[in-house]
Protein backbone atom coordinates (compact mmCIF):
# COMPACT_ATOMS: atom_id res chain seq x y z
CA MET A 1 -3.07 -7.23 -8.44
CA GLU A 2 -0.54 -9.34 -6.51
CA LYS A 3 0.35 -9.18 -3.00
CA LEU A 4 3.23 -7.28 -1.69
CA THR A 5 5.72 -8.39 0.63
CA LYS A 6 6.55 -6.25 3.63
CA ARG A 7 9.61 -4.94 2.07
CA GLU A 8 7.84 -4.15 -1.25
CA GLU A 9 5.13 -2.29 0.93
CA ALA A 10 7.99 -0.47 2.55
CA LEU A 11 9.41 0.64 -0.89
CA MET A 12 5.86 1.58 -1.91
CA GLN A 13 5.54 3.90 1.07
CA LEU A 14 8.47 5.77 -0.15
CA PHE A 15 7.29 6.34 -3.54
CA TRP A 16 4.01 7.76 -1.97
CA GLN A 17 5.56 9.93 0.33
CA HIS A 18 8.50 11.27 -2.00
CA GLY A 19 7.25 10.57 -5.62
CA PRO A 20 9.55 9.54 -8.46
CA LEU A 21 12.64 8.09 -7.12
CA PHE A 22 16.11 6.67 -8.51
CA VAL A 23 17.29 3.53 -7.06
CA GLN A 24 20.17 5.45 -5.46
CA GLU A 25 17.97 7.73 -3.79
CA ILE A 26 15.98 5.13 -2.23
CA VAL A 27 19.46 3.32 -0.90
CA ALA A 28 20.09 6.60 0.58
CA MET A 29 16.88 6.69 2.45
CA MET A 30 17.43 3.44 3.90
CA GLU A 31 18.49 2.82 7.40
CA ASP A 32 22.08 1.49 8.11
CA PRO A 33 23.35 -0.88 7.31
CA LYS A 34 21.96 0.24 4.18
CA PRO A 35 20.97 -2.73 1.81
CA HIS A 36 23.21 -3.05 -1.34
CA PHE A 37 22.13 -1.02 -4.60
CA ASN A 38 21.45 -4.35 -6.55
CA THR A 39 19.09 -5.66 -3.92
CA ILE A 40 16.90 -2.53 -3.92
CA SER A 41 16.90 -2.54 -7.85
CA THR A 42 15.59 -5.89 -8.12
CA GLN A 43 12.97 -5.09 -5.43
CA VAL A 44 11.88 -2.24 -7.50
CA ARG A 45 11.75 -4.15 -10.59
CA THR A 46 9.68 -6.90 -8.96
CA LEU A 47 7.27 -3.92 -8.22
CA GLU A 48 7.24 -2.92 -11.55
CA GLN A 49 6.63 -6.24 -12.79
CA LYS A 50 3.75 -6.58 -10.47
CA GLY A 51 2.40 -3.27 -11.74
CA TYR A 52 2.74 -1.09 -8.78
CA VAL A 53 5.65 1.17 -10.36
CA ALA A 54 6.67 2.18 -13.95
CA HIS A 55 9.88 4.16 -14.75
CA LYS A 56 11.17 7.00 -16.88
CA VAL A 57 14.41 6.78 -18.53
CA PHE A 58 17.14 9.29 -17.89
CA GLY A 59 20.40 8.59 -19.58
CA GLY A 60 21.52 5.11 -18.56
CA THR A 61 19.18 5.27 -15.33
CA TYR A 62 15.72 4.89 -14.38
CA GLN A 63 13.58 6.98 -12.20
CA TYR A 64 10.76 4.91 -10.88
CA TYR A 65 7.30 6.20 -9.84
CA ALA A 66 4.23 4.68 -8.38
CA THR A 67 1.33 3.86 -10.55
CA VAL A 68 -0.92 2.52 -7.91
CA SER A 69 -2.17 5.31 -5.22
CA GLU A 70 -1.84 4.79 -1.71
CA GLU A 71 -5.48 4.78 -1.33
CA ALA A 72 -6.29 2.32 -4.14
CA PHE A 73 -3.85 -0.03 -2.32
CA SER A 74 -5.29 0.31 0.91
CA ARG A 75 -8.73 -0.36 -0.35
CA LEU A 76 -7.40 -3.21 -2.31
CA THR A 77 -5.73 -4.73 0.93
CA LEU A 78 -8.99 -4.17 3.12
CA ARG A 79 -10.86 -6.09 0.29
CA SER A 80 -8.62 -8.87 0.34
CA VAL A 81 -8.70 -9.09 4.30
CA ILE A 82 -12.43 -9.13 4.14
CA ASP A 83 -12.66 -11.85 1.46
CA ARG A 84 -10.09 -14.11 3.06
CA TYR A 85 -10.92 -13.75 6.70
CA PHE A 86 -14.99 -12.58 6.84
CA GLU A 87 -16.12 -14.70 4.17
CA ARG A 88 -16.67 -11.32 1.93
CA SER A 89 -19.00 -9.88 4.65
CA TYR A 90 -18.15 -6.24 5.43
CA LEU A 91 -20.82 -6.58 8.15
CA GLY A 92 -18.99 -9.49 9.81
CA ALA A 93 -15.80 -7.36 9.49
CA VAL A 94 -17.34 -4.40 11.50
CA SER A 95 -18.94 -6.68 13.72
CA ALA A 96 -15.35 -8.10 14.63
CA LEU A 97 -14.33 -4.74 15.24
CA VAL A 98 -17.25 -3.87 17.70
CA GLU A 99 -16.73 -7.36 19.52
CA GLU A 100 -13.18 -6.18 20.03
CA GLU A 101 -14.00 -2.89 21.08
CA LYS A 102 -11.95 -1.28 18.27
CA ILE A 103 -14.76 0.80 16.94
CA SER A 104 -17.22 2.67 19.36
CA VAL A 105 -20.83 3.38 19.10
CA GLU A 106 -20.32 6.96 18.42
CA GLU A 107 -18.20 5.74 15.41
CA LEU A 108 -20.65 3.72 14.07
CA ARG A 109 -23.20 6.28 14.14
CA GLU A 110 -20.81 8.71 12.07
CA LEU A 111 -20.60 6.06 9.90
CA ILE A 112 -24.30 5.53 9.42
CA GLN A 113 -24.52 9.15 8.73
CA GLN A 114 -21.88 9.17 6.25
CA ILE A 115 -23.70 6.13 4.35
CA GLU A 116 -27.14 8.09 4.68
CA LYS A 117 -25.48 11.17 3.14
CA GLN A 118 -24.07 9.22 0.10
CA ALA A 119 -27.38 7.22 -0.32
């Protein structure tokens, strides 16, 4: 799947939080100054072209809905970061977190227990 811009990711958050939406509903949820309807419509259609949303037709308007779950997107994003910055090494990523003190020894123990339960 193609990467998302920050604005596209923000739109996806709305779909994940609120479910299917019409463009006018998305515009109403935006902070002031609100973007133009056409701007949001274009961004949503781009998300559809990238495969992240699809639509249902209601009269002369479309209701859009997420086709990718937030969990699947998170996993895909994490995999991309690890591939790009840690030479596809999950161990390297975890080591970096330990070195930066972003993960504790206790958290590592919990992770090991989870892995052992799955094995």
